[in-house]
Amino acid sequence: MTGHQGGIFALGTAAHAYLEFDVSAGRAGRELVAAVSSLREPRTTMGGVNLVAGFRPELWRETVPDDAPRPKGSTRT
């Protein structure tokens, strides 16, 4: 992925929650990425949840360096 992607929310949904997590001391950032990435929405046709997860570029670079946005001024090819 070479650019950013905005959040995706259902049209007409009035309720949104924004949660921000910090990596705990002594834990690797990739553990947080793995935990958040394993979340799934409920399997139901009666309502549901839209789940969008985003990660700071620095954390994504640490976790998946070949699929992370380049820092400004980077000459990586």
PDB file of N, CA and C in Angstrom:
ATOM      1  N   MET A   1       0.852  -1.175   0.000  1.00  0.00           N
ATOM      2  CA  MET A   1       0.000   0.000   0.000  1.00  0.00           C
ATOM      3  C   MET A   1       0.892   1.230   0.000  1.00  0.00           C
ATOM      4  N   THR A   2       0.694   2.105  -0.938  1.00  0.00           N
ATOM      5  CA  THR A   2       1.555   3.279  -1.037  1.00  0.00           C
ATOM      6  C   THR A   2       0.914   4.558  -0.517  1.00  0.00           C
ATOM      7  N   GLY A   3      -0.355   4.522  -0.205  1.00  0.00           N
ATOM      8  CA  GLY A   3      -1.033   5.726   0.290  1.00  0.00           C
ATOM      9  C   GLY A   3      -1.943   5.393   1.454  1.00  0.00           C
ATOM     10  N   HIS A   4      -2.632   6.404   1.942  1.00  0.00           N
ATOM     11  CA  HIS A   4      -3.530   6.178   3.065  1.00  0.00           C
ATOM     12  C   HIS A   4      -4.929   5.836   2.578  1.00  0.00           C
ATOM     13  N   GLN A   5      -5.726   5.277   3.467  1.00  0.00           N
ATOM     14  CA  GLN A   5      -7.115   4.968   3.165  1.00  0.00           C
ATOM     15  C   GLN A   5      -7.967   5.546   4.280  1.00  0.00           C
ATOM     16  N   GLY A   6      -8.957   6.310   3.912  1.00  0.00           N
ATOM     17  CA  GLY A   6      -9.853   6.878   4.912  1.00  0.00           C
ATOM     18  C   GLY A   6     -10.733   5.816   5.534  1.00  0.00           C
ATOM     19  N   GLY A   7     -11.352   6.144   6.664  1.00  0.00           N
ATOM     20  CA  GLY A   7     -12.275   5.217   7.317  1.00  0.00           C
ATOM     21  C   GLY A   7     -13.488   4.957   6.469  1.00  0.00           C
ATOM     22  N   ILE A   8     -14.120   3.832   6.662  1.00  0.00           N
ATOM     23  CA  ILE A   8     -15.291   3.441   5.888  1.00  0.00           C
ATOM     24  C   ILE A   8     -16.424   3.209   6.879  1.00  0.00           C
ATOM     25  N   PHE A   9     -17.493   3.982   6.747  1.00  0.00           N
ATOM     26  CA  PHE A   9     -18.625   3.849   7.649  1.00  0.00           C
ATOM     27  C   PHE A   9     -19.901   3.689   6.846  1.00  0.00           C
ATOM     28  N   ALA A  10     -20.877   2.987   7.416  1.00  0.00           N
ATOM     29  CA  ALA A  10     -22.153   2.763   6.738  1.00  0.00           C
ATOM     30  C   ALA A  10     -22.911   4.078   6.609  1.00  0.00           C
ATOM     31  N   LEU A  11     -23.542   4.279   5.490  1.00  0.00           N
ATOM     32  CA  LEU A  11     -24.373   5.462   5.297  1.00  0.00           C
ATOM     33  C   LEU A  11     -25.564   5.410   6.235  1.00  0.00           C
ATOM     34  N   GLY A  12     -25.891   6.529   6.823  1.00  0.00           N
ATOM     35  CA  GLY A  12     -27.047   6.596   7.699  1.00  0.00           C
ATOM     36  C   GLY A  12     -26.789   6.133   9.116  1.00  0.00           C
ATOM     37  N   THR A  13     -25.578   5.747   9.428  1.00  0.00           N
ATOM     38  CA  THR A  13     -25.263   5.310  10.786  1.00  0.00           C
ATOM     39  C   THR A  13     -24.907   6.527  11.625  1.00  0.00           C
ATOM     40  N   ALA A  14     -25.675   6.746  12.682  1.00  0.00           N
ATOM     41  CA  ALA A  14     -25.452   7.920  13.518  1.00  0.00           C
ATOM     42  C   ALA A  14     -24.448   7.666  14.635  1.00  0.00           C
ATOM     43  N   ALA A  15     -24.197   6.420  14.971  1.00  0.00           N
ATOM     44  CA  ALA A  15     -23.319   6.095  16.096  1.00  0.00           C
ATOM     45  C   ALA A  15     -21.955   5.620  15.595  1.00  0.00           C
ATOM     46  N   HIS A  16     -20.917   6.280  16.065  1.00  0.00           N
ATOM     47  CA  HIS A  16     -19.546   5.880  15.749  1.00  0.00           C
ATOM     48  C   HIS A  16     -18.742   5.912  17.036  1.00  0.00           C
ATOM     49  N   ALA A  17     -17.772   5.063  17.141  1.00  0.00           N
ATOM     50  CA  ALA A  17     -16.873   5.082  18.296  1.00  0.00           C
ATOM     51  C   ALA A  17     -15.447   5.072  17.772  1.00  0.00           C
ATOM     52  N   TYR A  18     -14.624   5.922  18.327  1.00  0.00           N
ATOM     53  CA  TYR A  18     -13.227   5.993  17.946  1.00  0.00           C
ATOM     54  C   TYR A  18     -12.413   5.590  19.166  1.00  0.00           C
ATOM     55  N   LEU A  19     -11.665   4.525  19.064  1.00  0.00           N
ATOM     56  CA  LEU A  19     -10.842   4.044  20.162  1.00  0.00           C
ATOM     57  C   LEU A  19      -9.382   4.158  19.769  1.00  0.00           C
ATOM     58  N   GLU A  20      -8.560   4.575  20.690  1.00  0.00           N
ATOM     59  CA  GLU A  20      -7.119   4.680  20.439  1.00  0.00           C
ATOM     60  C   GLU A  20      -6.404   3.838  21.487  1.00  0.00           C
ATOM     61  N   PHE A  21      -5.520   2.964  21.022  1.00  0.00           N
ATOM     62  CA  PHE A  21      -4.799   2.067  21.915  1.00  0.00           C
ATOM     63  C   PHE A  21      -3.309   2.393  21.893  1.00  0.00           C
ATOM     64  N   ASP A  22      -2.655   2.173  23.007  1.00  0.00           N
ATOM     65  CA  ASP A  22      -1.207   2.300  23.117  1.00  0.00           C
ATOM     66  C   ASP A  22      -0.615   0.913  23.302  1.00  0.00           C
ATOM     67  N   VAL A  23       0.575   0.706  22.779  1.00  0.00           N
ATOM     68  CA  VAL A  23       1.278  -0.553  23.001  1.00  0.00           C
ATOM     69  C   VAL A  23       1.757  -0.563  24.443  1.00  0.00           C
ATOM     70  N   SER A  24       1.460  -1.630  25.166  1.00  0.00           N
ATOM     71  CA  SER A  24       1.874  -1.749  26.567  1.00  0.00           C
ATOM     72  C   SER A  24       3.387  -1.871  26.664  1.00  0.00           C
ATOM     73  N   ALA A  25       3.926  -1.361  27.761  1.00  0.00           N
ATOM     74  CA  ALA A  25       5.369  -1.471  28.008  1.00  0.00           C
ATOM     75  C   ALA A  25       5.775  -2.949  27.990  1.00  0.00           C
ATOM     76  N   GLY A  26       6.853  -3.233  27.335  1.00  0.00           N
ATOM     77  CA  GLY A  26       7.361  -4.595  27.265  1.00  0.00           C
ATOM     78  C   GLY A  26       6.706  -5.467  26.215  1.00  0.00           C
ATOM     79  N   ARG A  27       5.757  -4.922  25.457  1.00  0.00           N
ATOM     80  CA  ARG A  27       5.083  -5.688  24.408  1.00  0.00           C
ATOM     81  C   ARG A  27       5.503  -5.148  23.053  1.00  0.00           C
ATOM     82  N   ALA A  28       5.455  -5.986  22.044  1.00  0.00           N
ATOM     83  CA  ALA A  28       5.803  -5.581  20.679  1.00  0.00           C
ATOM     84  C   ALA A  28       4.571  -5.005  19.990  1.00  0.00           C
ATOM     85  N   GLY A  29       4.811  -3.979  19.172  1.00  0.00           N
ATOM     86  CA  GLY A  29       3.715  -3.368  18.426  1.00  0.00           C
ATOM     87  C   GLY A  29       2.998  -4.362  17.544  1.00  0.00           C
ATOM     88  N   ARG A  30       3.715  -5.333  17.018  1.00  0.00           N
ATOM     89  CA  ARG A  30       3.078  -6.313  16.134  1.00  0.00           C
ATOM     90  C   ARG A  30       2.051  -7.165  16.889  1.00  0.00           C
ATOM     91  N   GLU A  31       2.190  -7.286  18.227  1.00  0.00           N
ATOM     92  CA  GLU A  31       1.183  -8.004  19.020  1.00  0.00           C
ATOM     93  C   GLU A  31      -0.137  -7.233  19.016  1.00  0.00           C
ATOM     94  N   LEU A  32      -0.067  -5.917  19.123  1.00  0.00           N
ATOM     95  CA  LEU A  32      -1.269  -5.082  19.068  1.00  0.00           C
ATOM     96  C   LEU A  32      -1.907  -5.177  17.683  1.00  0.00           C
ATOM     97  N   VAL A  33      -1.089  -5.093  16.645  1.00  0.00           N
ATOM     98  CA  VAL A  33      -1.607  -5.199  15.275  1.00  0.00           C
ATOM     99  C   VAL A  33      -2.288  -6.549  15.078  1.00  0.00           C
ATOM    100  N   ALA A  34      -1.679  -7.629  15.561  1.00  0.00           N
ATOM    101  CA  ALA A  34      -2.266  -8.965  15.419  1.00  0.00           C
ATOM    102  C   ALA A  34      -3.588  -9.070  16.172  1.00  0.00           C
ATOM    103  N   ALA A  35      -3.646  -8.522  17.386  1.00  0.00           N
ATOM    104  CA  ALA A  35      -4.868  -8.592  18.187  1.00  0.00           C
ATOM    105  C   ALA A  35      -6.007  -7.815  17.526  1.00  0.00           C
ATOM    106  N   VAL A  36      -5.726  -6.588  17.082  1.00  0.00           N
ATOM    107  CA  VAL A  36      -6.767  -5.775  16.444  1.00  0.00           C
ATOM    108  C   VAL A  36      -7.176  -6.398  15.113  1.00  0.00           C
ATOM    109  N   SER A  37      -6.216  -6.928  14.381  1.00  0.00           N
ATOM    110  CA  SER A  37      -6.507  -7.525  13.075  1.00  0.00           C
ATOM    111  C   SER A  37      -7.347  -8.788  13.187  1.00  0.00           C
ATOM    112  N   SER A  38      -7.347  -9.428  14.348  1.00  0.00           N
ATOM    113  CA  SER A  38      -8.122 -10.655  14.519  1.00  0.00           C
ATOM    114  C   SER A  38      -9.585 -10.384  14.883  1.00  0.00           C
ATOM    115  N   LEU A  39      -9.939  -9.123  15.147  1.00  0.00           N
ATOM    116  CA  LEU A  39     -11.331  -8.790  15.470  1.00  0.00           C
ATOM    117  C   LEU A  39     -12.217  -9.017  14.253  1.00  0.00           C
ATOM    118  N   ARG A  40     -13.410  -9.521  14.487  1.00  0.00           N
ATOM    119  CA  ARG A  40     -14.370  -9.754  13.405  1.00  0.00           C
ATOM    120  C   ARG A  40     -15.735  -9.231  13.828  1.00  0.00           C
ATOM    121  N   GLU A  41     -16.518  -8.782  12.872  1.00  0.00           N
ATOM    122  CA  GLU A  41     -17.867  -8.313  13.164  1.00  0.00           C
ATOM    123  C   GLU A  41     -18.759  -9.526  13.412  1.00  0.00           C
ATOM    124  N   PRO A  42     -19.863  -9.329  14.143  1.00  0.00           N
ATOM    125  CA  PRO A  42     -20.791 -10.440  14.383  1.00  0.00           C
ATOM    126  C   PRO A  42     -21.383 -10.947  13.069  1.00  0.00           C
ATOM    127  N   ARG A  43     -21.604 -12.230  12.980  1.00  0.00           N
ATOM    128  CA  ARG A  43     -22.212 -12.836  11.791  1.00  0.00           C
ATOM    129  C   ARG A  43     -23.719 -12.852  11.959  1.00  0.00           C
ATOM    130  N   THR A  44     -24.366 -11.756  11.582  1.00  0.00           N
ATOM    131  CA  THR A  44     -25.816 -11.653  11.717  1.00  0.00           C
ATOM    132  C   THR A  44     -26.363 -10.751  10.625  1.00  0.00           C
ATOM    133  N   THR A  45     -27.587 -11.001  10.241  1.00  0.00           N
ATOM    134  CA  THR A  45     -28.235 -10.111   9.278  1.00  0.00           C
ATOM    135  C   THR A  45     -29.123  -9.103   9.992  1.00  0.00           C
ATOM    136  N   MET A  46     -29.229  -9.193  11.303  1.00  0.00           N
ATOM    137  CA  MET A  46     -30.054  -8.287  12.112  1.00  0.00           C
ATOM    138  C   MET A  46     -29.157  -7.227  12.744  1.00  0.00           C
ATOM    139  N   GLY A  47     -28.865  -6.178  12.013  1.00  0.00           N
ATOM    140  CA  GLY A  47     -27.953  -5.159  12.525  1.00  0.00           C
ATOM    141  C   GLY A  47     -26.524  -5.607  12.287  1.00  0.00           C
ATOM    142  N   GLY A  48     -25.621  -5.031  12.990  1.00  0.00           N
ATOM    143  CA  GLY A  48     -24.240  -5.440  12.814  1.00  0.00           C
ATOM    144  C   GLY A  48     -23.286  -4.321  13.160  1.00  0.00           C
ATOM    145  N   VAL A  49     -22.052  -4.538  12.831  1.00  0.00           N
ATOM    146  CA  VAL A  49     -20.976  -3.618  13.178  1.00  0.00           C
ATOM    147  C   VAL A  49     -20.104  -3.419  11.952  1.00  0.00           C
ATOM    148  N   ASN A  50     -19.775  -2.178  11.662  1.00  0.00           N
ATOM    149  CA  ASN A  50     -18.737  -1.886  10.670  1.00  0.00           C
ATOM    150  C   ASN A  50     -17.466  -1.634  11.457  1.00  0.00           C
ATOM    151  N   LEU A  51     -16.440  -2.363  11.150  1.00  0.00           N
ATOM    152  CA  LEU A  51     -15.194  -2.260  11.890  1.00  0.00           C
ATOM    153  C   LEU A  51     -14.097  -1.762  10.963  1.00  0.00           C
ATOM    154  N   VAL A  52     -13.505  -0.642  11.320  1.00  0.00           N
ATOM    155  CA  VAL A  52     -12.397  -0.075  10.565  1.00  0.00           C
ATOM    156  C   VAL A  52     -11.238   0.095  11.535  1.00  0.00           C
ATOM    157  N   ALA A  53     -10.084  -0.435  11.199  1.00  0.00           N
ATOM    158  CA  ALA A  53      -8.902  -0.310  12.061  1.00  0.00           C
ATOM    159  C   ALA A  53      -7.807   0.407  11.286  1.00  0.00           C
ATOM    160  N   GLY A  54      -7.166   1.329  11.946  1.00  0.00           N
ATOM    161  CA  GLY A  54      -6.045   2.053  11.343  1.00  0.00           C
ATOM    162  C   GLY A  54      -4.861   2.018  12.289  1.00  0.00           C
ATOM    163  N   PHE A  55      -3.682   2.082  11.730  1.00  0.00           N
ATOM    164  CA  PHE A  55      -2.457   2.027  12.525  1.00  0.00           C
ATOM    165  C   PHE A  55      -1.535   3.162  12.115  1.00  0.00           C
ATOM    166  N   ARG A  56      -0.806   3.687  13.072  1.00  0.00           N
ATOM    167  CA  ARG A  56       0.177   4.734  12.774  1.00  0.00           C
ATOM    168  C   ARG A  56       1.182   4.187  11.767  1.00  0.00           C
ATOM    169  N   PRO A  57       1.650   5.025  10.840  1.00  0.00           N
ATOM    170  CA  PRO A  57       2.619   4.550   9.847  1.00  0.00           C
ATOM    171  C   PRO A  57       3.867   3.922  10.484  1.00  0.00           C
ATOM    172  N   GLU A  58       4.305   4.489  11.607  1.00  0.00           N
ATOM    173  CA  GLU A  58       5.511   3.949  12.269  1.00  0.00           C
ATOM    174  C   GLU A  58       5.273   2.521  12.747  1.00  0.00           C
ATOM    175  N   LEU A  59       4.094   2.244  13.303  1.00  0.00           N
ATOM    176  CA  LEU A  59       3.771   0.904  13.785  1.00  0.00           C
ATOM    177  C   LEU A  59       3.609  -0.055  12.617  1.00  0.00           C
ATOM    178  N   TRP A  60       2.957   0.412  11.555  1.00  0.00           N
ATOM    179  CA  TRP A  60       2.771  -0.455  10.386  1.00  0.00           C
ATOM    180  C   TRP A  60       4.122  -0.761   9.735  1.00  0.00           C
ATOM    181  N   ARG A  61       5.012   0.235   9.677  1.00  0.00           N
ATOM    182  CA  ARG A  61       6.353   0.031   9.115  1.00  0.00           C
ATOM    183  C   ARG A  61       7.119  -1.010   9.917  1.00  0.00           C
ATOM    184  N   GLU A  62       6.952  -0.977  11.250  1.00  0.00           N
ATOM    185  CA  GLU A  62       7.623  -1.952  12.117  1.00  0.00           C
ATOM    186  C   GLU A  62       7.059  -3.355  11.904  1.00  0.00           C
ATOM    187  N   THR A  63       5.752  -3.434  11.670  1.00  0.00           N
ATOM    188  CA  THR A  63       5.068  -4.718  11.567  1.00  0.00           C
ATOM    189  C   THR A  63       5.169  -5.329  10.167  1.00  0.00           C
ATOM    190  N   VAL A  64       4.923  -4.523   9.141  1.00  0.00           N
ATOM    191  CA  VAL A  64       4.927  -4.994   7.751  1.00  0.00           C
ATOM    192  C   VAL A  64       5.717  -3.997   6.908  1.00  0.00           C
ATOM    193  N   PRO A  65       7.045  -4.001   7.023  1.00  0.00           N
ATOM    194  CA  PRO A  65       7.840  -2.961   6.371  1.00  0.00           C
ATOM    195  C   PRO A  65       7.692  -2.892   4.847  1.00  0.00           C
ATOM    196  N   ASP A  66       7.415  -4.008   4.192  1.00  0.00           N
ATOM    197  CA  ASP A  66       7.291  -3.983   2.728  1.00  0.00           C
ATOM    198  C   ASP A  66       5.932  -3.475   2.249  1.00  0.00           C
ATOM    199  N   ASP A  67       4.988  -3.250   3.174  1.00  0.00           N
ATOM    200  CA  ASP A  67       3.650  -2.799   2.803  1.00  0.00           C
ATOM    201  C   ASP A  67       3.273  -1.531   3.569  1.00  0.00           C
ATOM    202  N   ALA A  68       4.262  -0.738   3.912  1.00  0.00           N
ATOM    203  CA  ALA A  68       4.021   0.461   4.718  1.00  0.00           C
ATOM    204  C   ALA A  68       4.284   1.723   3.909  1.00  0.00           C
ATOM    205  N   PRO A  69       3.576   2.800   4.235  1.00  0.00           N
ATOM    206  CA  PRO A  69       3.847   4.079   3.565  1.00  0.00           C
ATOM    207  C   PRO A  69       5.283   4.525   3.825  1.00  0.00           C
ATOM    208  N   ARG A  70       5.876   5.124   2.838  1.00  0.00           N
ATOM    209  CA  ARG A  70       7.246   5.628   2.998  1.00  0.00           C
ATOM    210  C   ARG A  70       7.229   6.927   3.781  1.00  0.00           C
ATOM    211  N   PRO A  71       8.227   7.124   4.638  1.00  0.00           N
ATOM    212  CA  PRO A  71       8.319   8.408   5.345  1.00  0.00           C
ATOM    213  C   PRO A  71       8.601   9.524   4.356  1.00  0.00           C
ATOM    214  N   LYS A  72       8.175  10.739   4.692  1.00  0.00           N
ATOM    215  CA  LYS A  72       8.474  11.885   3.829  1.00  0.00           C
ATOM    216  C   LYS A  72       9.970  11.999   3.638  1.00  0.00           C
ATOM    217  N   GLY A  73      10.384  12.261   2.421  1.00  0.00           N
ATOM    218  CA  GLY A  73      11.801  12.423   2.111  1.00  0.00           C
ATOM    219  C   GLY A  73      12.532  11.104   1.898  1.00  0.00           C
ATOM    220  N   SER A  74      11.836   9.970   2.006  1.00  0.00           N
ATOM    221  CA  SER A  74      12.477   8.672   1.835  1.00  0.00           C
ATOM    222  C   SER A  74      12.807   8.433   0.378  1.00  0.00           C
ATOM    223  N   THR A  75      13.920   7.795   0.133  1.00  0.00           N
ATOM    224  CA  THR A  75      14.323   7.472  -1.237  1.00  0.00           C
ATOM    225  C   THR A  75      14.199   5.979  -1.504  1.00  0.00           C
ATOM    226  N   ARG A  76      13.528   5.253  -0.605  1.00  0.00           N
ATOM    227  CA  ARG A  76      13.347   3.811  -0.781  1.00  0.00           C
ATOM    228  C   ARG A  76      12.624   3.548  -2.090  1.00  0.00           C
ATOM    229  N   THR A  77      13.066   2.572  -2.846  1.00  0.00           N
ATOM    230  CA  THR A  77      12.400   2.214  -4.118  1.00  0.00           C
ATOM    231  C   THR A  77      11.725   0.898  -4.027  1.00  0.00           C
TER     232      THR A  77
END
